[in-house]
Amino acid sequence: NWTNKGVSAGKIVYMSDTHDTYSNDEGEGGWTKFIDQNIVDRSYALEAARADASALYFSRPSQTAKTSIMQGQKGSTHFTSKEVAAANHLHNACIGQKDAYYGDESAKVDVVCRETGAVLVLASGSDKEVTTKNVNGLTKPGTYVDEVSGNTFTVTSSTITGKIGSTGIAVIYEAIDDKPSVSADKADGSKFDDT
């Protein structure tokens, strides 16, 4: 809701979990330590899908009490999970594109549509077939493969249909060719022979 209050999206940083909400005592705002990592990841996937704003992923420390956390002690490596990586991939693939959010009460799914992809997150549960809005017809119609589960999704001008897998998160988008290209010139400015 910050953009509704006049703050531009480019000045917003979304966080599902922070060192304060995770490691502080309950009386100091430490409440996310009681929330399952998968629920936090569902929130992060929606945040990372948004246009313009940045989303930070908090790697939880190995201890929940701030007085027990030790510097250099390895914590969660869940940031390497398939669903978190997929949300980040969509974020990068859709730079400069519009977004639209919809909370579908009947399907119990939240969706962030981008012009060439979308993130769908179940409110609870997993492994569920859904049909929800392609908000404002924003996501280009076609067939997409969910990077998380490998399931196929069909997008029309008005709907997105497919099965969200075991994580409760689906990330669909047109992949970008991000392989670097290399070229070199000879010292005299002529090109090398490609053969």
Protein backbone atom coordinates (compact mmCIF):
# COMPACT_ATOMS: atom_id res chain seq x y z
CA ASN A 1 0.00 0.00 0.00
CA TRP A 2 2.97 2.37 0.13
CA THR A 3 2.53 3.37 -3.52
CA ASN A 4 -1.07 4.34 -2.67
CA LYS A 5 0.39 6.68 -0.05
CA GLY A 6 2.53 8.51 -2.61
CA VAL A 7 5.81 6.60 -2.27
CA SER A 8 7.16 5.58 -5.68
CA ALA A 9 7.71 1.84 -6.18
CA GLY A 10 11.39 2.48 -6.96
CA LYS A 11 11.87 3.65 -3.36
CA ILE A 12 10.27 0.57 -1.77
CA VAL A 13 12.14 -2.45 -0.45
CA TYR A 14 9.90 -5.42 0.33
CA MET A 15 10.92 -7.86 3.07
CA SER A 16 8.98 -10.93 4.23
CA ASP A 17 11.31 -11.58 7.12
CA THR A 18 14.04 -9.45 8.73
CA HIS A 19 16.65 -9.84 11.44
CA ASP A 20 14.38 -7.84 13.75
CA THR A 21 11.17 -9.77 13.13
CA TYR A 22 13.02 -13.09 13.28
CA SER A 23 15.55 -12.65 16.10
CA ASN A 24 14.03 -10.12 18.47
CA ASP A 25 12.07 -11.22 21.51
CA GLU A 26 8.30 -11.35 21.06
CA GLY A 27 7.79 -8.11 23.00
CA GLU A 28 10.25 -6.41 20.62
CA GLY A 29 8.51 -7.42 17.40
CA GLY A 30 10.10 -10.85 16.95
CA TRP A 31 7.18 -12.71 15.43
CA THR A 32 8.32 -14.27 12.14
CA LYS A 33 10.43 -16.91 13.92
CA PHE A 34 7.14 -18.73 14.46
CA ILE A 35 6.26 -18.69 10.75
CA ASP A 36 7.29 -21.61 8.57
CA GLN A 37 9.97 -20.87 5.96
CA ASN A 38 7.60 -21.89 3.15
CA ILE A 39 5.08 -19.22 4.17
CA VAL A 40 7.84 -16.60 4.16
CA ASP A 41 8.95 -17.85 0.73
CA ARG A 42 5.41 -17.53 -0.64
CA SER A 43 5.37 -13.92 0.45
CA TYR A 44 8.83 -13.33 -1.01
CA ALA A 45 7.80 -14.78 -4.40
CA LEU A 46 4.97 -12.23 -4.65
CA GLU A 47 7.27 -9.41 -3.56
CA ALA A 48 10.03 -10.35 -6.02
CA ALA A 49 7.47 -10.42 -8.84
CA ARG A 50 6.52 -6.76 -8.39
CA ALA A 51 7.72 -4.14 -10.84
CA ASP A 52 10.20 -1.43 -9.87
CA ALA A 53 10.44 -2.22 -6.14
CA SER A 54 13.24 -4.34 -4.70
CA ALA A 55 12.74 -7.42 -2.55
CA LEU A 56 15.26 -8.60 0.04
CA TYR A 57 15.49 -12.24 1.03
CA PHE A 58 16.55 -12.75 4.65
CA SER A 59 18.69 -15.82 5.22
CA ARG A 60 17.60 -16.92 8.67
CA PRO A 61 20.39 -17.47 11.22
CA SER A 62 20.82 -20.86 12.87
CA GLN A 63 19.45 -19.52 16.18
CA THR A 64 16.21 -17.62 16.79
CA ALA A 65 17.28 -15.64 19.87
CA LYS A 66 19.36 -12.54 19.10
CA THR A 67 21.61 -13.26 22.06
CA SER A 68 22.46 -16.73 20.68
CA ILE A 69 23.39 -15.74 17.13
CA MET A 70 27.11 -16.05 16.53
CA GLN A 71 29.01 -14.24 13.79
CA GLY A 72 30.31 -16.64 11.15
CA GLN A 73 27.86 -19.40 12.11
CA LYS A 74 26.08 -20.75 9.03
CA GLY A 75 22.35 -20.25 8.97
CA SER A 76 19.67 -21.14 6.45
CA THR A 77 20.64 -21.73 2.85
CA HIS A 78 17.03 -21.74 1.70
CA PHE A 79 17.78 -18.78 -0.55
CA THR A 80 19.17 -21.41 -2.94
CA SER A 81 15.81 -23.20 -3.21
CA LYS A 82 14.22 -23.64 -6.63
CA GLU A 83 11.23 -21.42 -5.80
CA VAL A 84 13.31 -18.49 -4.52
CA ALA A 85 15.65 -18.73 -7.52
CA ALA A 86 12.66 -18.85 -9.90
CA ALA A 87 11.13 -15.71 -8.37
CA ASN A 88 14.45 -13.93 -8.82
CA HIS A 89 14.72 -15.14 -12.43
CA LEU A 90 11.25 -13.77 -13.23
CA HIS A 91 12.16 -10.47 -11.56
CA ASN A 92 15.19 -10.12 -13.83
CA ALA A 93 13.41 -11.36 -16.97
CA CYS A 94 10.61 -8.81 -16.55
CA ILE A 95 12.62 -5.65 -15.85
CA GLY A 96 10.84 -2.62 -17.28
CA GLN A 97 7.47 -4.37 -17.58
CA LYS A 98 4.22 -3.36 -15.90
CA ASP A 99 2.71 -5.47 -13.14
CA ALA A 100 -0.75 -6.12 -11.76
CA TYR A 101 -1.67 -7.88 -8.51
CA TYR A 102 -4.83 -9.87 -7.80
CA GLY A 103 -5.91 -11.77 -4.70
CA ASP A 104 -8.36 -14.41 -5.92
CA GLU A 105 -10.58 -15.26 -2.94
CA SER A 106 -12.46 -18.07 -4.69
CA ALA A 107 -9.35 -19.90 -5.98
CA LYS A 108 -7.40 -19.02 -2.81
CA VAL A 109 -4.45 -17.87 -4.91
CA ASP A 110 -2.58 -14.59 -5.24
CA VAL A 111 -1.11 -13.64 -8.60
CA VAL A 112 1.27 -10.97 -9.82
CA CYS A 113 1.03 -10.67 -13.59
CA ARG A 114 3.84 -9.23 -15.67
CA GLU A 115 3.79 -8.72 -19.42
CA THR A 116 5.73 -11.92 -20.15
CA GLY A 117 5.09 -13.97 -17.02
CA ALA A 118 3.44 -14.33 -13.64
CA VAL A 119 3.87 -15.63 -10.11
CA LEU A 120 1.01 -17.58 -8.56
CA VAL A 121 0.97 -18.38 -4.83
CA LEU A 122 -1.53 -20.52 -2.97
CA ALA A 123 -2.86 -18.99 0.25
CA SER A 124 -2.43 -22.43 1.83
CA GLY A 125 -1.88 -25.99 0.77
CA SER A 126 -0.13 -27.30 -2.32
CA ASP A 127 -0.53 -29.42 -5.44
CA LYS A 128 -3.66 -27.65 -6.62
CA GLU A 129 -5.17 -26.96 -10.05
CA VAL A 130 -6.10 -23.29 -10.33
CA THR A 131 -7.76 -20.97 -12.78
CA THR A 132 -7.39 -17.31 -11.94
CA LYS A 133 -7.43 -13.93 -13.64
CA ASN A 134 -4.83 -12.79 -16.09
CA VAL A 135 -5.12 -9.36 -14.47
CA ASN A 136 -6.00 -6.75 -17.08
CA GLY A 137 -4.92 -9.28 -19.73
CA LEU A 138 -1.38 -8.21 -18.88
CA THR A 139 0.46 -11.53 -19.27
CA LYS A 140 0.93 -12.47 -22.92
CA PRO A 141 -1.29 -15.43 -23.85
CA GLY A 142 0.50 -18.71 -24.50
CA THR A 143 1.79 -21.88 -22.89
CA TYR A 144 4.34 -21.57 -20.09
CA VAL A 145 6.28 -24.04 -17.97
CA ASP A 146 6.46 -23.43 -14.23
CA GLU A 147 10.14 -23.18 -13.33
CA VAL A 148 9.46 -24.59 -9.88
CA SER A 149 7.40 -27.72 -10.60
CA GLY A 150 7.76 -28.18 -14.35
CA ASN A 151 3.96 -28.10 -14.72
CA THR A 152 2.41 -26.49 -17.80
CA PHE A 153 0.27 -23.35 -17.50
CA THR A 154 -2.03 -21.93 -20.16
CA VAL A 155 -2.52 -18.18 -20.31
CA THR A 156 -5.40 -16.63 -22.26
CA SER A 157 -6.32 -12.96 -22.50
CA SER A 158 -8.44 -13.38 -19.37
CA THR A 159 -7.21 -16.45 -17.40
CA ILE A 160 -4.19 -18.35 -16.15
CA THR A 161 -4.71 -22.09 -15.64
CA GLY A 162 -2.38 -24.78 -14.34
CA LYS A 163 -1.31 -26.86 -11.36
CA ILE A 164 0.71 -25.22 -8.61
CA GLY A 165 3.10 -27.79 -7.16
CA SER A 166 4.28 -28.89 -3.73
CA THR A 167 5.81 -25.53 -2.70
CA GLY A 168 2.56 -23.62 -3.28
CA ILE A 169 4.49 -21.32 -5.63
CA ALA A 170 4.41 -21.26 -9.44
CA VAL A 171 6.67 -19.02 -11.53
CA ILE A 172 6.01 -18.78 -15.25
CA TYR A 173 7.76 -16.48 -17.71
CA GLU A 174 9.40 -16.23 -21.09
CA ALA A 175 13.06 -16.95 -20.53
CA ILE A 176 15.51 -14.35 -21.71
CA ASP A 177 18.70 -15.19 -23.53
CA ASP A 178 21.19 -13.98 -20.97
CA LYS A 179 24.22 -15.83 -22.29
CA PRO A 180 27.04 -13.37 -22.83
CA SER A 181 28.38 -12.91 -26.33
CA VAL A 182 32.08 -12.44 -26.94
CA SER A 183 33.75 -10.73 -29.84
CA ALA A 184 37.29 -9.65 -30.45
CA ASP A 185 39.08 -7.61 -33.05
CA LYS A 186 42.63 -8.01 -34.30
CA ALA A 187 45.13 -5.31 -33.42
CA ASP A 188 44.65 -3.78 -36.88
CA GLY A 189 40.87 -3.51 -36.31
CA SER A 190 39.90 -6.36 -38.62
CA LYS A 191 37.71 -9.23 -37.47
CA PHE A 192 38.84 -12.76 -36.65
CA ASP A 193 37.64 -15.46 -39.02
CA ASP A 194 34.72 -17.36 -37.38
CA THR A 195 35.82 -20.71 -38.84
